[in-house]
Protein backbone atom coordinates (compact mmCIF):
# COMPACT_ATOMS: atom_id res chain seq x y z
CA UNK A 1 -34.47 36.10 122.00
CA UNK A 2 -32.97 33.64 124.46
CA UNK A 3 -34.57 30.22 124.53
CA UNK A 4 -35.61 28.43 127.71
CA UNK A 5 -32.31 27.42 129.31
CA UNK A 6 -33.93 24.33 130.85
CA UNK A 7 -34.64 22.84 127.46
CA UNK A 8 -32.55 19.76 126.73
CA UNK A 9 -30.05 20.11 123.90
CA UNK A 10 -30.54 17.62 121.08
CA UNK A 11 -28.29 17.26 118.05
CA UNK A 12 -30.69 17.23 115.13
CA UNK A 13 -29.77 17.74 111.50
CA UNK A 14 -30.32 21.36 110.51
CA UNK A 15 -30.11 22.92 113.99
CA UNK A 16 -26.36 22.52 114.66
CA UNK A 17 -25.89 26.23 114.02
CA UNK A 18 -28.45 27.05 116.70
CA UNK A 19 -26.56 24.82 119.13
CA UNK A 20 -23.41 26.83 118.41
CA UNK A 21 -25.16 29.89 119.80
CA UNK A 22 -25.43 28.16 123.17
CA UNK A 23 -21.64 28.58 123.48
CA UNK A 24 -22.39 32.23 124.23
CA UNK A 25 -24.81 31.35 127.05
CA UNK A 26 -23.86 30.65 130.70
CA UNK A 27 -24.46 26.91 130.30
CA UNK A 28 -23.70 24.90 133.45
CA UNK A 29 -24.93 21.45 132.53
CA UNK A 30 -25.56 19.19 129.52
CA UNK A 31 -28.30 16.56 129.81
CA UNK A 32 -27.40 13.55 127.66
CA UNK A 33 -30.19 11.09 127.02
CA UNK A 34 -29.19 7.45 126.83
CA UNK A 35 -31.09 7.22 123.52
CA UNK A 36 -28.28 9.26 121.96
CA UNK A 37 -25.70 6.52 122.56
CA UNK A 38 -24.92 3.97 119.89
CA UNK A 39 -23.21 0.61 120.33
CA UNK A 40 -19.69 0.09 119.01
CA UNK A 41 -18.13 -3.18 117.84
CA UNK A 42 -17.25 -4.15 121.40
CA UNK A 43 -20.85 -3.61 122.59
CA UNK A 44 -19.96 -0.48 124.56
CA UNK A 45 -22.08 2.69 124.41
CA UNK A 46 -20.48 5.54 122.47
CA UNK A 47 -21.59 8.83 120.98
CA UNK A 48 -21.59 9.74 117.31
CA UNK A 49 -18.93 12.07 115.89
CA UNK A 50 -21.43 14.94 115.84
CA UNK A 51 -22.23 14.52 119.52
CA UNK A 52 -18.55 14.16 120.40
CA UNK A 53 -17.82 17.43 118.62
CA UNK A 54 -20.60 19.14 120.55
CA UNK A 55 -19.21 17.87 123.86
CA UNK A 56 -15.71 18.97 122.82
CA UNK A 57 -16.97 22.52 122.34
CA UNK A 58 -18.65 22.59 125.74
CA UNK A 59 -15.71 20.88 127.44
CA UNK A 60 -13.82 24.16 127.63
CA UNK A 61 -16.78 25.72 129.47
CA UNK A 62 -16.25 23.23 132.31
CA UNK A 63 -19.89 22.11 132.26
CA UNK A 64 -21.33 19.19 134.21
CA UNK A 65 -23.03 16.21 132.57
CA UNK A 66 -26.22 14.40 133.52
CA UNK A 67 -26.96 10.98 132.02
CA UNK A 68 -30.74 10.54 131.71
CA UNK A 69 -32.92 7.72 130.41
CA UNK A 70 -33.23 3.95 130.35
CA UNK A 71 -30.24 1.65 130.51
CA UNK A 72 -29.85 0.08 127.05
CA UNK A 73 -26.44 -1.55 127.67
CA UNK A 74 -26.78 -3.57 130.86
CA UNK A 75 -24.99 -1.21 133.23
CA UNK A 76 -25.77 2.49 133.62
CA UNK A 77 -22.22 3.15 134.84
CA UNK A 78 -20.91 2.41 131.32
CA UNK A 79 -22.35 5.71 130.13
CA UNK A 80 -20.52 7.62 132.88
CA UNK A 81 -17.30 5.72 132.16
CA UNK A 82 -17.53 6.65 128.50
CA UNK A 83 -18.15 10.34 129.22
CA UNK A 84 -15.11 10.38 131.55
CA UNK A 85 -13.04 8.68 128.86
CA UNK A 86 -14.27 11.13 126.24
CA UNK A 87 -13.32 14.09 128.42
CA UNK A 88 -9.76 12.80 128.84
CA UNK A 89 -9.52 11.99 125.14
CA UNK A 90 -10.70 15.41 123.98
CA UNK A 91 -8.75 17.42 126.57
CA UNK A 92 -5.55 18.78 125.01
CA UNK A 93 -2.66 19.87 127.22
CA UNK A 94 0.37 21.98 126.35
CA UNK A 95 2.49 24.71 127.91
CA UNK A 96 -0.02 27.18 126.47
CA UNK A 97 -3.12 25.50 127.93
CA UNK A 98 -1.35 25.11 131.28
CA UNK A 99 -0.53 28.82 131.28
CA UNK A 100 -4.04 30.04 130.46
CA UNK A 101 -5.80 27.63 132.84
CA UNK A 102 -7.76 29.66 135.35
CA UNK A 103 -7.85 32.75 133.12
CA UNK A 104 -11.03 31.73 131.29
CA UNK A 105 -13.48 34.67 131.04
CA UNK A 106 -11.59 36.56 133.75
CA UNK A 107 -11.82 40.32 133.19
CA UNK A 108 -8.57 42.27 133.47
CA UNK A 109 -7.86 45.94 132.86
CA UNK A 110 -5.49 46.55 129.92
CA UNK A 111 -1.95 47.54 130.81
CA UNK A 112 -1.10 51.23 130.52
CA UNK A 113 2.72 51.21 130.53
CA UNK A 114 2.93 54.88 129.52
CA UNK A 115 1.06 56.15 132.57
CA UNK A 116 1.94 53.34 135.00
CA UNK A 117 5.07 51.33 135.79
CA UNK A 118 4.58 47.61 135.22
CA UNK A 119 4.96 45.26 138.17
CA UNK A 120 7.58 42.53 138.38
CA UNK A 121 4.94 39.82 137.96
CA UNK A 122 3.88 41.31 134.62
CA UNK A 123 7.46 41.21 133.33
CA UNK A 124 7.75 37.60 134.47
CA UNK A 125 4.65 36.65 132.48
CA UNK A 126 6.04 38.29 129.34
CA UNK A 127 9.43 36.64 129.77
CA UNK A 128 7.81 33.19 129.97
CA UNK A 129 6.79 33.51 126.31
CA UNK A 130 9.74 32.19 124.28
CA UNK A 131 7.76 32.07 121.03
CA UNK A 132 7.39 35.85 120.89
CA UNK A 133 11.06 36.52 121.49
CA UNK A 134 12.11 33.83 119.02
CA UNK A 135 10.15 35.70 116.37
CA UNK A 136 11.73 38.99 117.44
CA UNK A 137 15.19 37.46 117.21
CA UNK A 138 14.49 36.16 113.70
CA UNK A 139 13.26 39.61 112.64
CA UNK A 140 16.29 41.37 114.13
CA UNK A 141 18.60 38.83 112.54
CA UNK A 142 17.03 39.45 109.13
CA UNK A 143 17.27 43.23 109.57
CA UNK A 144 20.96 42.99 110.56
CA UNK A 145 21.68 40.84 107.51
CA UNK A 146 20.04 43.42 105.25
CA UNK A 147 21.98 46.27 106.88
CA UNK A 148 25.25 44.39 106.66
CA UNK A 149 24.63 43.78 102.95
CA UNK A 150 24.30 47.55 102.49
CA UNK A 151 27.33 48.56 104.59
CA UNK A 152 29.85 45.86 105.43
CA UNK A 153 32.35 46.25 108.28
CA UNK A 154 30.27 49.03 109.83
CA UNK A 155 29.13 49.07 113.45
CA UNK A 156 25.33 49.14 113.57
CA UNK A 157 23.38 51.07 116.19
CA UNK A 158 20.31 49.34 117.65
CA UNK A 159 17.95 51.06 120.10
CA UNK A 160 15.50 49.02 122.15
CA UNK A 161 12.60 51.22 123.25
CA UNK A 162 10.84 49.98 126.37
CA UNK A 163 13.56 47.44 127.15
CA UNK A 164 11.85 46.12 130.30
CA UNK A 165 14.07 43.61 132.08
CA UNK A 166 16.07 42.74 128.99
CA UNK A 167 14.48 39.98 126.86
CA UNK A 168 14.64 42.11 123.72
CA UNK A 169 18.26 42.99 124.53
CA UNK A 170 19.05 39.28 124.62
CA UNK A 171 17.34 38.84 121.25
CA UNK A 172 19.42 41.71 119.77
CA UNK A 173 22.72 40.38 121.15
CA UNK A 174 21.93 36.82 120.02
CA UNK A 175 21.06 38.04 116.52
CA UNK A 176 24.29 40.09 116.42
CA UNK A 177 26.34 37.04 117.37
CA UNK A 178 24.63 34.85 114.76
CA UNK A 179 25.16 37.41 111.98
CA UNK A 180 28.65 38.41 113.18
CA UNK A 181 27.62 42.08 113.24
CA UNK A 182 29.31 44.64 115.47
CA UNK A 183 26.62 46.36 117.46
CA UNK A 184 26.16 49.40 119.63
CA UNK A 185 23.04 48.73 121.70
CA UNK A 186 20.99 51.28 123.65
CA UNK A 187 18.30 50.18 126.11
CA UNK A 188 15.70 52.91 126.81
CA UNK A 189 13.44 52.22 129.80
CA UNK A 190 11.45 54.51 132.12
CA UNK A 191 10.45 52.02 134.84
CA UNK A 192 13.03 52.53 137.65
CA UNK A 193 12.65 48.95 138.91
CA UNK A 194 13.32 47.52 135.43
CA UNK A 195 16.23 49.96 135.00
CA UNK A 196 17.90 48.52 138.11
CA UNK A 197 17.60 45.04 136.60
CA UNK A 198 19.13 46.29 133.33
CA UNK A 199 22.08 47.84 135.16
CA UNK A 200 22.69 44.53 136.96
CA UNK A 201 22.54 42.59 133.68
CA UNK A 202 25.01 44.99 132.06
CA UNK A 203 27.44 44.58 134.96
CA UNK A 204 27.20 40.80 135.10
CA UNK A 205 26.46 39.67 131.53
CA UNK A 206 26.81 42.51 129.02
CA UNK A 207 29.72 44.74 130.12
CA UNK A 208 30.63 47.17 127.36
CA UNK A 209 27.87 45.83 125.09
CA UNK A 210 24.76 47.75 126.20
CA UNK A 211 24.18 51.36 127.26
CA UNK A 212 21.18 51.82 129.56
CA UNK A 213 19.19 55.06 129.10
CA UNK A 214 16.86 55.58 132.10
CA UNK A 215 13.89 57.72 131.15
CA UNK A 216 10.87 58.12 128.91
CA UNK A 217 11.50 57.57 125.21
CA UNK A 218 9.27 60.57 124.50
CA UNK A 219 11.79 62.91 126.16
CA UNK A 220 14.96 61.02 125.21
CA UNK A 221 17.42 62.99 123.04
CA UNK A 222 19.99 60.61 121.50
CA UNK A 223 23.53 61.64 120.59
CA UNK A 224 23.34 59.52 117.43
CA UNK A 225 20.65 57.98 115.27
CA UNK A 226 19.82 54.30 115.09
CA UNK A 227 19.99 51.88 112.20
CA UNK A 228 17.32 49.73 113.83
CA UNK A 229 14.62 50.51 116.40
CA UNK A 230 13.15 47.57 118.32
CA UNK A 231 10.07 47.77 120.55
CA UNK A 232 7.30 45.62 122.02
CA UNK A 233 4.71 48.30 122.75
CA UNK A 234 1.80 46.42 121.22
CA UNK A 235 -1.39 45.96 123.22
CA UNK A 236 -4.09 43.36 122.81
CA UNK A 237 -5.67 45.46 120.05
CA UNK A 238 -2.32 46.36 118.52
CA UNK A 239 -2.55 50.12 119.01
CA UNK A 240 -4.44 50.36 122.32
CA UNK A 241 -1.25 50.93 124.37
CA UNK A 242 -0.47 53.89 122.08
CA UNK A 243 2.30 52.21 120.13
CA UNK A 244 1.61 54.42 117.06
CA UNK A 245 2.11 57.64 119.03
CA UNK A 246 5.26 56.36 120.74
CA UNK A 247 6.92 54.99 117.61
CA UNK A 248 5.97 57.98 115.47
CA UNK A 249 7.61 60.21 118.08
CA UNK A 250 10.66 57.92 118.14
CA UNK A 251 11.24 58.32 114.40
CA UNK A 252 13.57 61.17 115.23
CA UNK A 253 15.97 58.51 116.62
CA UNK A 254 16.04 56.64 113.31
CA UNK A 255 18.27 57.20 110.30
CA UNK A 256 16.59 57.96 106.99
CA UNK A 257 17.22 54.39 105.83
CA UNK A 258 16.58 52.90 109.26
CA UNK A 259 14.40 49.91 110.09
CA UNK A 260 11.63 49.76 112.68
CA UNK A 261 10.75 46.43 114.29
CA UNK A 262 7.77 46.04 114.13
CA UNK A 263 7.25 47.50 110.67
CA UNK A 264 3.45 47.34 110.73
CA UNK A 265 0.47 45.99 112.68
CA UNK A 266 -3.25 45.67 112.03
CA UNK A 267 -6.13 45.49 114.49
CA UNK A 268 -8.91 42.98 113.87
CA UNK A 269 -12.37 42.89 115.38
CA UNK A 270 -15.34 40.55 115.58
CA UNK A 271 -18.82 40.76 117.15
CA UNK A 272 -19.46 38.22 119.90
CA UNK A 273 -22.33 37.09 122.08
CA UNK A 274 -21.25 36.32 125.64
CA UNK A 275 -23.82 36.49 128.40
CA UNK A 276 -21.12 35.34 130.82
CA UNK A 277 -18.96 38.44 130.27
CA UNK A 278 -22.01 40.70 130.24
CA UNK A 279 -23.08 39.32 133.63
CA UNK A 280 -19.54 39.50 135.02
CA UNK A 281 -19.33 43.22 134.24
CA UNK A 282 -22.70 43.92 135.82
CA UNK A 283 -22.07 41.91 139.00
CA UNK A 284 -18.43 42.85 139.70
CA UNK A 285 -18.81 46.63 139.50
CA UNK A 286 -16.40 48.42 141.88
CA UNK A 287 -18.08 50.66 144.43
CA UNK A 288 -16.37 53.77 143.05
CA UNK A 289 -17.54 53.27 139.44
CA UNK A 290 -20.89 53.61 137.75
CA UNK A 291 -22.27 50.70 135.77
CA UNK A 292 -22.04 52.75 132.58
CA UNK A 293 -18.35 53.45 133.16
CA UNK A 294 -17.76 49.72 133.59
CA UNK A 295 -19.28 49.13 130.16
CA UNK A 296 -17.16 51.94 128.71
CA UNK A 297 -14.00 50.17 129.81
CA UNK A 298 -12.14 47.77 127.52
CA UNK A 299 -11.01 44.53 129.16
CA UNK A 300 -8.29 42.03 128.42
CA UNK A 301 -9.80 38.58 128.71
CA UNK A 302 -9.30 35.02 127.53
CA UNK A 303 -12.80 34.69 126.06
CA UNK A 304 -14.12 31.14 126.21
CA UNK A 305 -17.86 31.34 126.93
CA UNK A 306 -18.82 33.04 123.66
CA UNK A 307 -20.51 32.62 120.33
CA UNK A 308 -18.72 34.15 117.37
CA UNK A 309 -21.44 36.08 115.57
CA UNK A 310 -19.31 36.61 112.46
CA UNK A 311 -15.72 36.20 111.28
CA UNK A 312 -13.00 38.65 112.28
CA UNK A 313 -12.30 41.56 109.94
CA UNK A 314 -9.35 43.92 109.54
CA UNK A 315 -9.78 47.38 111.01
CA UNK A 316 -6.86 49.81 111.47
CA UNK A 317 -3.29 49.48 110.14
CA UNK A 318 -0.20 51.40 111.27
CA UNK A 319 3.16 51.42 109.49
CA UNK A 320 6.58 52.34 110.92
CA UNK A 321 8.51 54.36 110.16
CA UNK A 322 5.75 56.61 108.87
CA UNK A 323 7.47 58.74 106.24
CA UNK A 324 4.40 59.44 104.12
CA UNK A 325 2.07 61.44 106.41
CA UNK A 326 2.98 65.07 107.12
CA UNK A 327 1.80 65.81 109.72
CA UNK A 328 1.33 62.32 111.10
CA UNK A 329 -2.29 61.67 112.00
CA UNK A 330 -3.20 58.49 113.88
CA UNK A 331 -6.93 59.12 113.96
CA UNK A 332 -8.79 56.34 112.17
CA UNK A 333 -12.32 55.58 111.02
CA UNK A 334 -13.66 52.29 109.73
CA UNK A 335 -16.94 50.79 108.56
CA UNK A 336 -17.35 47.04 108.80
CA UNK A 337 -20.21 44.95 107.45
CA UNK A 338 -20.79 41.58 109.09
CA UNK A 339 -22.79 38.74 107.58
CA UNK A 340 -24.44 36.88 110.44
CA UNK A 341 -25.39 33.22 110.10
CA UNK A 342 -28.35 33.56 112.48
CA UNK A 343 -30.16 36.06 114.66
CA UNK A 344 -28.26 36.77 117.87
CA UNK A 345 -27.37 39.43 120.41
CA UNK A 346 -24.23 41.56 120.37
CA UNK A 347 -22.83 41.84 123.89
CA UNK A 348 -19.41 43.11 122.86
CA UNK A 349 -16.58 43.22 120.35
CA UNK A 350 -13.51 41.00 120.53
CA UNK A 351 -10.31 42.64 119.33
CA UNK A 352 -7.10 41.04 118.06
CA UNK A 353 -4.01 42.06 116.07
CA UNK A 354 -1.54 40.83 113.51
CA UNK A 355 1.97 42.25 113.41
CA UNK A 356 4.66 42.11 110.72
CA UNK A 357 7.90 42.40 112.68
CA UNK A 358 10.04 42.51 109.55
CA UNK A 359 9.63 41.09 106.05
CA UNK A 360 6.92 38.55 106.82
CA UNK A 361 8.10 37.45 110.27
CA UNK A 362 4.77 37.63 112.05
CA UNK A 363 3.09 37.74 115.43
CA UNK A 364 -0.66 37.22 115.58
CA UNK A 365 -3.48 36.88 118.10
CA UNK A 366 -6.13 36.74 115.36
CA UNK A 367 -7.82 33.32 115.79
CA UNK A 368 -7.24 32.10 112.23
CA UNK A 369 -3.52 32.95 112.22
CA UNK A 370 -2.67 32.86 115.94
CA UNK A 371 1.05 32.43 116.61
CA UNK A 372 1.30 28.95 118.05
CA UNK A 373 1.55 28.80 121.87
CA UNK A 374 2.16 32.55 122.15
CA UNK A 375 0.78 33.66 125.52
CA UNK A 376 1.73 37.34 125.90
CA UNK A 377 -1.63 38.72 124.80
CA UNK A 378 -5.25 37.81 125.42
CA UNK A 379 -7.95 39.40 123.23
CA UNK A 380 -9.36 42.78 124.15
CA UNK A 381 -13.09 42.99 124.80
CA UNK A 382 -15.20 46.10 124.20
CA UNK A 383 -18.52 45.48 126.02
CA UNK A 384 -21.87 47.06 125.22
CA UNK A 385 -24.24 48.12 128.00
CA UNK A 386 -27.40 47.72 125.91
CA UNK A 387 -27.90 44.68 123.70
CA UNK A 388 -27.55 45.27 119.98
CA UNK A 389 -29.48 42.74 117.94
CA UNK A 390 -27.67 41.29 114.95
CA UNK A 391 -29.80 39.70 112.28
CA UNK A 392 -29.05 37.38 109.41
CA UNK A 393 -29.05 40.37 107.10
CA UNK A 394 -25.91 42.53 106.94
CA UNK A 395 -25.15 44.37 110.19
CA UNK A 396 -22.94 47.46 110.17
CA UNK A 397 -20.44 48.73 112.73
CA UNK A 398 -18.85 52.19 112.67
CA UNK A 399 -15.57 52.47 114.57
CA UNK A 400 -13.28 55.37 115.37
CA UNK A 401 -9.86 55.92 116.86
CA UNK A 402 -9.66 59.50 118.10
CA UNK A 403 -6.66 61.28 119.68
CA UNK A 404 -6.42 64.12 122.19
CA UNK A 405 -3.55 65.49 124.25
CA UNK A 406 -4.68 63.39 127.24
CA UNK A 407 -5.93 60.13 125.74
CA UNK A 408 -6.75 57.96 122.78
CA UNK A 409 -10.46 57.27 122.39
CA UNK A 410 -12.00 54.20 120.78
CA UNK A 411 -15.62 54.67 119.72
CA UNK A 412 -18.09 52.26 118.19
CA UNK A 413 -21.67 52.62 117.01
CA UNK A 414 -24.05 50.05 115.62
CA UNK A 415 -26.82 51.68 113.57
CA UNK A 416 -28.08 48.46 112.06
CA UNK A 417 -28.40 48.43 108.30
CA UNK A 418 -28.45 52.24 108.18
CA UNK A 419 -26.34 53.09 105.16
CA UNK A 420 -27.22 56.78 105.44
CA UNK A 421 -25.80 57.26 108.93
CA UNK A 422 -23.07 59.93 108.93
CA UNK A 423 -19.76 59.23 110.66
CA UNK A 424 -19.03 62.97 110.80
CA UNK A 425 -21.44 63.38 113.73
CA UNK A 426 -20.68 61.68 117.06
CA UNK A 427 -23.95 60.37 118.44
CA UNK A 428 -24.54 60.33 122.22
CA UNK A 429 -25.68 56.74 121.89
CA UNK A 430 -22.23 55.63 120.81
CA UNK A 431 -19.91 53.77 123.19
CA UNK A 432 -16.62 55.43 124.18
CA UNK A 433 -13.52 53.62 125.48
CA UNK A 434 -10.80 56.05 126.66
CA UNK A 435 -7.12 55.01 126.95
CA UNK A 436 -4.96 57.41 128.96
CA UNK A 437 -1.71 58.67 127.46
């Protein structure tokens, strides 16, 4: 399946798609023959647009370059000078690229804020993302305007669930000031270290404006119901940090005409080929874990060294408040059919999400609609221990979201092109990814 890695890459009409697949290989070096250079108007060697685009794609993989062949322009160093110039020209810098530098293809365990208290460094990373909180503030502002239109001169109750160290509180208070709404704000937080920070902020900045409720939202019993619930419980896959279970349980805090922010979110998924991540999982296995358990663990990772086998597709959607299901059931099942442009190997699934905070004010990690410069979430990666071969014909994935009293369980199976496979029977060959409650 995998071609000889020592073979030189050549841009030839009709094989550009095959070159794309090399983005999912652990490429360390590009050999550029001097015959590929053309002469510009100033008699300097340059590469065609097609070759420049190819180098741009490999630039993010931090590959090395070897110039090979005869000197056709009088000085071999001109080729090296041009490649250095091209690298600087194609390299794009921003606050986002500066933030993610060094995170490329680095495997991290997903956060589990329900079962573990987040560290200070994690809060600092979240708080460095102004784009997310700007969107939250716009959504809260819009919700306050709608509530004020319904009931003027009424004090509105806003509850922030999982308040952390206060960025959502700031967004609520800013939105209240902009809309001239009188607010009663509750901050519910279970992490004792974050609670101490909230108490300090209330004393110094928000006296009489915010009531801190230390404890788990799942056991919190409010004395009054809220007009608006605000939370940022989303994980890299949308629901993988158990936001549906938390917010469904928190509906008892909300008035019948209350608003939840976010109002809905959808997980997206795409098959990818990444030999780099596959090798990283195999070679970095902790001594206390089996190799199989490492492949049954989802990872949060900024995936760079990959080939996108097919486009992302929508998977599971959750809506809040959920007034339609009785009882509420957050188990999900989905069948996705992917059209592959060429034969390749599935080494894992990349997961993303889109979120409607309120009335079209969006957050997204899905590549085609990614919120610009938002850095709070990297994609989630569900690895596979045994290669699944995807062919140019339609390939099928079956995916579940199962719930127990101890955990949520993500399951995927890939019975290729088997339309008669039954999703009612869990096959031992499927891959399970447990998330503790």
